[in-house]
Amino acid sequence: MAEHQPRLLSEDEQTFIKAIAAKLCPDSQERLLQDLRIASVRSDGDFLLIYLAGYDRPNYRGHRNLSCEGRMHTSEGGLISALVNMDQNERLLEIEFIYWDDGKGVTPDWSTLSIGSEPANYGPGAI
């Protein structure tokens, strides 16, 4: 069941976005960190939808994944990729989780987070 009210990002979620920002060019890094300072979030399935205070987000016309991704395990030992997606104005849109094992009812284990600059290959037979 999705949360109805946006909430502040958790410390782990903020740390993740800051780690992604550290891999970006200075202009993109600063824009992402500025967005993080005004962001709240709401869970929606495999996504954390980002709301930016004072930003009137345009109608959705696609998004762009940043080139780095987070990789971590679930509390049950499965694998997760976490992507930061930007809207058409290069503003923080969402965090997307890809559960490589059964993702229903699992919790990310943020203590296992690593940041990779290449997309992970967690498909069948990859590990």
N, C-alpha and C. Protein backbone atom coordinates (compact mmCIF):
# COMPACT_ATOMS: atom_id res chain seq x y z
N MET A 1 0.84 -1.19 0.00
CA MET A 1 0.00 0.00 0.00
C MET A 1 0.88 1.25 0.00
N ALA A 2 0.63 2.18 -0.88
CA ALA A 2 1.44 3.38 -1.01
C ALA A 2 1.14 4.35 0.14
N GLU A 3 2.17 5.08 0.54
CA GLU A 3 1.97 6.16 1.50
C GLU A 3 1.20 7.26 0.81
N HIS A 4 0.34 7.95 1.55
CA HIS A 4 -0.45 9.01 0.93
C HIS A 4 0.19 10.37 1.10
N GLN A 5 0.89 10.62 2.19
CA GLN A 5 1.49 11.90 2.46
C GLN A 5 2.99 11.85 2.21
N PRO A 6 3.54 12.85 1.52
CA PRO A 6 4.99 12.91 1.38
C PRO A 6 5.65 13.04 2.76
N ARG A 7 6.86 12.51 2.84
CA ARG A 7 7.64 12.56 4.08
C ARG A 7 9.04 13.05 3.72
N LEU A 8 9.80 13.42 4.73
CA LEU A 8 11.19 13.77 4.49
C LEU A 8 11.96 12.51 4.11
N LEU A 9 13.01 12.69 3.32
CA LEU A 9 13.84 11.54 2.97
C LEU A 9 14.58 11.05 4.21
N SER A 10 14.73 9.74 4.31
CA SER A 10 15.48 9.18 5.42
C SER A 10 16.95 9.54 5.28
N GLU A 11 17.70 9.38 6.33
CA GLU A 11 19.14 9.62 6.29
C GLU A 11 19.80 8.73 5.24
N ASP A 12 19.38 7.46 5.15
CA ASP A 12 19.94 6.54 4.16
C ASP A 12 19.63 7.00 2.74
N GLU A 13 18.41 7.46 2.49
CA GLU A 13 18.04 7.95 1.16
C GLU A 13 18.83 9.20 0.79
N GLN A 14 19.02 10.10 1.77
CA GLN A 14 19.82 11.29 1.53
C GLN A 14 21.28 10.93 1.24
N THR A 15 21.82 10.01 2.01
CA THR A 15 23.21 9.57 1.81
C THR A 15 23.37 8.98 0.41
N PHE A 16 22.40 8.20 -0.04
CA PHE A 16 22.44 7.62 -1.38
C PHE A 16 22.49 8.70 -2.44
N ILE A 17 21.59 9.69 -2.36
CA ILE A 17 21.56 10.74 -3.37
C ILE A 17 22.85 11.56 -3.33
N LYS A 18 23.38 11.83 -2.15
CA LYS A 18 24.65 12.56 -2.05
C LYS A 18 25.79 11.76 -2.68
N ALA A 19 25.79 10.45 -2.50
CA ALA A 19 26.83 9.60 -3.10
C ALA A 19 26.73 9.61 -4.62
N ILE A 20 25.51 9.60 -5.15
CA ILE A 20 25.32 9.70 -6.60
C ILE A 20 25.80 11.08 -7.08
N ALA A 21 25.43 12.13 -6.37
CA ALA A 21 25.82 13.49 -6.74
C ALA A 21 27.34 13.62 -6.81
N ALA A 22 28.04 12.95 -5.91
CA ALA A 22 29.50 13.03 -5.87
C ALA A 22 30.15 12.49 -7.14
N LYS A 23 29.43 11.69 -7.90
CA LYS A 23 29.95 11.10 -9.15
C LYS A 23 29.66 11.98 -10.37
N LEU A 24 28.93 13.08 -10.20
CA LEU A 24 28.49 13.91 -11.32
C LEU A 24 29.43 15.09 -11.54
N CYS A 25 29.29 15.73 -12.70
CA CYS A 25 30.04 16.96 -12.97
C CYS A 25 29.55 18.04 -11.99
N PRO A 26 30.36 19.07 -11.73
CA PRO A 26 30.00 20.06 -10.70
C PRO A 26 28.63 20.70 -10.88
N ASP A 27 28.23 21.08 -12.10
CA ASP A 27 26.92 21.72 -12.28
C ASP A 27 25.77 20.77 -11.95
N SER A 28 25.86 19.54 -12.44
CA SER A 28 24.82 18.55 -12.15
C SER A 28 24.80 18.19 -10.67
N GLN A 29 25.97 18.09 -10.08
CA GLN A 29 26.07 17.79 -8.66
C GLN A 29 25.37 18.86 -7.84
N GLU A 30 25.63 20.13 -8.12
CA GLU A 30 25.03 21.21 -7.35
C GLU A 30 23.51 21.24 -7.53
N ARG A 31 23.02 21.03 -8.75
CA ARG A 31 21.57 21.02 -9.00
C ARG A 31 20.90 19.91 -8.18
N LEU A 32 21.51 18.72 -8.19
CA LEU A 32 20.94 17.58 -7.45
C LEU A 32 20.95 17.86 -5.95
N LEU A 33 22.03 18.42 -5.43
CA LEU A 33 22.09 18.72 -4.00
C LEU A 33 21.12 19.83 -3.61
N GLN A 34 20.91 20.80 -4.50
CA GLN A 34 19.89 21.84 -4.24
C GLN A 34 18.51 21.20 -4.17
N ASP A 35 18.21 20.29 -5.10
CA ASP A 35 16.92 19.61 -5.08
C ASP A 35 16.76 18.77 -3.81
N LEU A 36 17.82 18.12 -3.39
CA LEU A 36 17.75 17.29 -2.19
C LEU A 36 17.35 18.13 -0.97
N ARG A 37 17.83 19.36 -0.90
CA ARG A 37 17.53 20.23 0.25
C ARG A 37 16.05 20.58 0.35
N ILE A 38 15.31 20.52 -0.77
CA ILE A 38 13.89 20.91 -0.74
C ILE A 38 12.96 19.73 -1.03
N ALA A 39 13.51 18.52 -0.98
CA ALA A 39 12.75 17.33 -1.40
C ALA A 39 11.99 16.68 -0.25
N SER A 40 10.84 16.16 -0.62
CA SER A 40 10.11 15.20 0.21
C SER A 40 9.78 14.04 -0.71
N VAL A 41 9.32 12.93 -0.14
CA VAL A 41 9.19 11.71 -0.92
C VAL A 41 7.92 10.96 -0.51
N ARG A 42 7.38 10.21 -1.48
CA ARG A 42 6.23 9.34 -1.21
C ARG A 42 6.49 8.02 -1.92
N SER A 43 6.30 6.91 -1.20
CA SER A 43 6.48 5.59 -1.79
C SER A 43 5.32 5.27 -2.73
N ASP A 44 5.68 4.67 -3.88
CA ASP A 44 4.68 4.22 -4.84
C ASP A 44 5.24 2.99 -5.53
N GLY A 45 4.97 1.82 -4.96
CA GLY A 45 5.49 0.57 -5.50
C GLY A 45 7.01 0.53 -5.45
N ASP A 46 7.64 0.38 -6.60
CA ASP A 46 9.10 0.28 -6.68
C ASP A 46 9.76 1.65 -6.82
N PHE A 47 9.03 2.71 -6.56
CA PHE A 47 9.53 4.07 -6.73
C PHE A 47 9.36 4.87 -5.45
N LEU A 48 10.27 5.81 -5.23
CA LEU A 48 10.09 6.87 -4.26
C LEU A 48 9.90 8.13 -5.09
N LEU A 49 8.68 8.64 -5.13
CA LEU A 49 8.36 9.83 -5.92
C LEU A 49 8.81 11.06 -5.16
N ILE A 50 9.51 11.95 -5.84
CA ILE A 50 10.09 13.13 -5.21
C ILE A 50 9.21 14.34 -5.45
N TYR A 51 8.97 15.11 -4.40
CA TYR A 51 8.26 16.38 -4.47
C TYR A 51 9.27 17.46 -4.07
N LEU A 52 9.38 18.50 -4.89
CA LEU A 52 10.30 19.60 -4.63
C LEU A 52 9.51 20.84 -4.25
N ALA A 53 9.74 21.33 -3.05
CA ALA A 53 9.02 22.51 -2.57
C ALA A 53 9.24 23.69 -3.51
N GLY A 54 8.15 24.30 -3.95
CA GLY A 54 8.22 25.48 -4.80
C GLY A 54 8.43 25.18 -6.28
N TYR A 55 8.55 23.92 -6.66
CA TYR A 55 8.78 23.56 -8.06
C TYR A 55 7.48 23.03 -8.65
N ASP A 56 7.02 23.67 -9.71
CA ASP A 56 5.82 23.24 -10.41
C ASP A 56 6.25 22.29 -11.52
N ARG A 57 6.23 21.00 -11.22
CA ARG A 57 6.71 19.99 -12.17
C ARG A 57 5.81 19.96 -13.40
N PRO A 58 6.41 19.97 -14.60
CA PRO A 58 5.59 19.89 -15.82
C PRO A 58 4.97 18.51 -15.97
N ASN A 59 4.00 18.40 -16.87
CA ASN A 59 3.42 17.09 -17.19
C ASN A 59 4.54 16.16 -17.62
N TYR A 60 4.43 14.92 -17.23
CA TYR A 60 5.47 13.93 -17.50
C TYR A 60 5.67 13.73 -19.00
N ARG A 61 6.93 13.88 -19.43
CA ARG A 61 7.30 13.62 -20.82
C ARG A 61 8.54 12.74 -20.88
N GLY A 62 8.66 11.88 -19.92
CA GLY A 62 9.82 10.99 -19.87
C GLY A 62 10.79 11.41 -18.78
N HIS A 63 11.77 10.56 -18.58
CA HIS A 63 12.78 10.84 -17.57
C HIS A 63 14.13 10.32 -18.05
N ARG A 64 15.17 10.69 -17.31
CA ARG A 64 16.52 10.25 -17.61
C ARG A 64 17.12 9.66 -16.35
N ASN A 65 17.70 8.46 -16.49
CA ASN A 65 18.43 7.86 -15.38
C ASN A 65 19.81 8.49 -15.31
N LEU A 66 20.25 8.83 -14.11
CA LEU A 66 21.63 9.26 -13.97
C LEU A 66 22.55 8.07 -14.24
N SER A 67 23.77 8.33 -14.64
CA SER A 67 24.66 7.27 -15.13
C SER A 67 25.19 6.35 -14.04
N CYS A 68 25.06 6.73 -12.79
CA CYS A 68 25.51 5.88 -11.67
C CYS A 68 24.29 5.21 -11.04
N GLU A 69 24.53 4.11 -10.38
CA GLU A 69 23.44 3.44 -9.67
C GLU A 69 23.91 2.91 -8.34
N GLY A 70 22.96 2.79 -7.44
CA GLY A 70 23.24 2.16 -6.16
C GLY A 70 22.98 0.68 -6.27
N ARG A 71 23.78 -0.08 -5.57
CA ARG A 71 23.59 -1.54 -5.51
C ARG A 71 23.62 -1.93 -4.05
N MET A 72 22.69 -2.76 -3.67
CA MET A 72 22.63 -3.21 -2.28
C MET A 72 21.85 -4.50 -2.20
N HIS A 73 21.85 -5.06 -1.01
CA HIS A 73 21.08 -6.25 -0.74
C HIS A 73 19.80 -5.86 -0.01
N THR A 74 18.85 -6.76 -0.03
CA THR A 74 17.66 -6.58 0.80
C THR A 74 17.96 -7.17 2.17
N SER A 75 17.10 -6.89 3.12
CA SER A 75 17.27 -7.48 4.45
C SER A 75 17.14 -8.99 4.39
N GLU A 76 16.55 -9.51 3.30
CA GLU A 76 16.39 -10.94 3.11
C GLU A 76 17.51 -11.55 2.27
N GLY A 77 18.48 -10.73 1.83
CA GLY A 77 19.62 -11.23 1.07
C GLY A 77 19.52 -11.10 -0.43
N GLY A 78 18.40 -10.61 -0.95
CA GLY A 78 18.26 -10.42 -2.39
C GLY A 78 19.07 -9.22 -2.88
N LEU A 79 19.05 -8.99 -4.17
CA LEU A 79 19.80 -7.89 -4.76
C LEU A 79 18.87 -6.80 -5.26
N ILE A 80 19.32 -5.53 -5.11
CA ILE A 80 18.56 -4.36 -5.54
C ILE A 80 19.50 -3.42 -6.29
N SER A 81 19.00 -2.83 -7.36
CA SER A 81 19.63 -1.66 -7.97
C SER A 81 18.74 -0.48 -7.63
N ALA A 82 19.36 0.67 -7.36
CA ALA A 82 18.62 1.90 -7.08
C ALA A 82 19.09 2.96 -8.06
N LEU A 83 18.15 3.53 -8.79
CA LEU A 83 18.45 4.54 -9.81
C LEU A 83 17.87 5.88 -9.41
N VAL A 84 18.57 6.95 -9.73
CA VAL A 84 18.05 8.29 -9.55
C VAL A 84 17.60 8.78 -10.92
N ASN A 85 16.33 9.15 -11.01
CA ASN A 85 15.75 9.61 -12.27
C ASN A 85 15.48 11.10 -12.21
N MET A 86 15.75 11.78 -13.33
CA MET A 86 15.56 13.21 -13.45
C MET A 86 14.43 13.48 -14.44
N ASP A 87 13.69 14.58 -14.24
CA ASP A 87 12.63 14.92 -15.17
C ASP A 87 13.20 15.66 -16.39
N GLN A 88 12.32 16.10 -17.29
CA GLN A 88 12.77 16.73 -18.53
C GLN A 88 13.47 18.07 -18.30
N ASN A 89 13.36 18.64 -17.11
CA ASN A 89 14.05 19.88 -16.77
C ASN A 89 15.32 19.61 -15.96
N GLU A 90 15.73 18.34 -15.90
CA GLU A 90 16.91 17.93 -15.13
C GLU A 90 16.75 18.21 -13.64
N ARG A 91 15.53 17.99 -13.15
CA ARG A 91 15.23 18.12 -11.72
C ARG A 91 14.95 16.73 -11.17
N LEU A 92 15.25 16.53 -9.91
CA LEU A 92 15.08 15.25 -9.24
C LEU A 92 13.63 14.81 -9.32
N LEU A 93 13.40 13.63 -9.89
CA LEU A 93 12.05 13.11 -10.13
C LEU A 93 11.70 11.97 -9.19
N GLU A 94 12.61 10.97 -9.09
CA GLU A 94 12.28 9.77 -8.32
C GLU A 94 13.52 8.93 -8.08
N ILE A 95 13.39 8.04 -7.12
CA ILE A 95 14.35 6.96 -6.92
C ILE A 95 13.61 5.69 -7.31
N GLU A 96 14.22 4.94 -8.19
CA GLU A 96 13.62 3.70 -8.70
C GLU A 96 14.40 2.52 -8.16
N PHE A 97 13.68 1.54 -7.62
CA PHE A 97 14.31 0.31 -7.13
C PHE A 97 14.01 -0.82 -8.10
N ILE A 98 15.04 -1.56 -8.46
CA ILE A 98 14.88 -2.75 -9.28
C ILE A 98 15.25 -3.93 -8.41
N TYR A 99 14.29 -4.77 -8.13
CA TYR A 99 14.49 -5.95 -7.29
C TYR A 99 14.81 -7.13 -8.19
N TRP A 100 16.02 -7.65 -8.08
CA TRP A 100 16.46 -8.72 -8.96
C TRP A 100 15.95 -10.07 -8.48
N ASP A 101 15.49 -10.13 -7.26
CA ASP A 101 14.82 -11.31 -6.73
C ASP A 101 13.38 -10.89 -6.45
N ASP A 102 12.59 -11.71 -5.81
CA ASP A 102 11.22 -11.34 -5.48
C ASP A 102 11.23 -10.10 -4.59
N GLY A 103 10.67 -8.99 -5.08
CA GLY A 103 10.73 -7.73 -4.36
C GLY A 103 9.55 -7.42 -3.48
N LYS A 104 8.61 -8.31 -3.37
CA LYS A 104 7.42 -8.02 -2.58
C LYS A 104 7.72 -8.10 -1.08
N GLY A 105 7.49 -6.98 -0.41
CA GLY A 105 7.62 -6.95 1.04
C GLY A 105 9.04 -6.99 1.56
N VAL A 106 10.03 -6.69 0.74
CA VAL A 106 11.41 -6.69 1.20
C VAL A 106 11.87 -5.27 1.50
N THR A 107 12.90 -5.17 2.32
CA THR A 107 13.42 -3.89 2.75
C THR A 107 14.86 -3.75 2.31
N PRO A 108 15.23 -2.62 1.71
CA PRO A 108 16.64 -2.43 1.36
C PRO A 108 17.52 -2.42 2.61
N ASP A 109 18.66 -3.06 2.53
CA ASP A 109 19.66 -3.01 3.60
C ASP A 109 20.68 -1.96 3.19
N TRP A 110 20.43 -0.72 3.60
CA TRP A 110 21.26 0.40 3.16
C TRP A 110 22.71 0.26 3.61
N SER A 111 22.98 -0.54 4.63
CA SER A 111 24.37 -0.71 5.08
C SER A 111 25.21 -1.43 4.04
N THR A 112 24.58 -2.06 3.05
CA THR A 112 25.32 -2.78 2.00
C THR A 112 25.45 -1.95 0.72
N LEU A 113 25.04 -0.69 0.75
CA LEU A 113 25.03 0.17 -0.44
C LEU A 113 26.43 0.39 -1.00
N SER A 114 26.54 0.23 -2.31
CA SER A 114 27.73 0.66 -3.04
C SER A 114 27.23 1.41 -4.27
N ILE A 115 28.07 2.28 -4.80
CA ILE A 115 27.71 3.07 -5.97
C ILE A 115 28.57 2.61 -7.13
N GLY A 116 27.92 2.25 -8.21
CA GLY A 116 28.63 1.81 -9.41
C GLY A 116 28.42 2.79 -10.54
N SER A 117 29.41 2.92 -11.40
CA SER A 117 29.28 3.84 -12.53
C SER A 117 28.77 3.15 -13.78
N GLU A 118 28.63 1.84 -13.73
CA GLU A 118 28.09 1.08 -14.85
C GLU A 118 26.85 0.35 -14.36
N PRO A 119 25.84 0.20 -15.21
CA PRO A 119 24.65 -0.56 -14.79
C PRO A 119 25.03 -1.98 -14.37
N ALA A 120 24.40 -2.44 -13.34
CA ALA A 120 24.66 -3.79 -12.85
C ALA A 120 24.05 -4.82 -13.80
N ASN A 121 24.64 -6.00 -13.82
CA ASN A 121 24.09 -7.11 -14.60
C ASN A 121 23.72 -8.19 -13.59
N TYR A 122 22.52 -8.06 -13.02
CA TYR A 122 22.06 -9.01 -12.04
C TYR A 122 21.07 -10.01 -12.63
N GLY A 123 20.98 -10.05 -13.94
CA GLY A 123 20.04 -10.97 -14.58
C GLY A 123 20.41 -12.41 -14.30
N PRO A 124 19.64 -13.35 -14.81
CA PRO A 124 19.88 -14.78 -14.56
C PRO A 124 21.30 -15.18 -14.95
N GLY A 125 21.96 -15.85 -14.03
CA GLY A 125 23.31 -16.35 -14.28
C GLY A 125 24.41 -15.33 -14.11
N ALA A 126 24.08 -14.09 -13.72
CA ALA A 126 25.11 -13.04 -13.62
C ALA A 126 25.95 -13.18 -12.35
N ILE A 127 25.38 -13.78 -11.32
CA ILE A 127 26.12 -13.87 -10.06
C ILE A 127 26.32 -15.32 -9.69
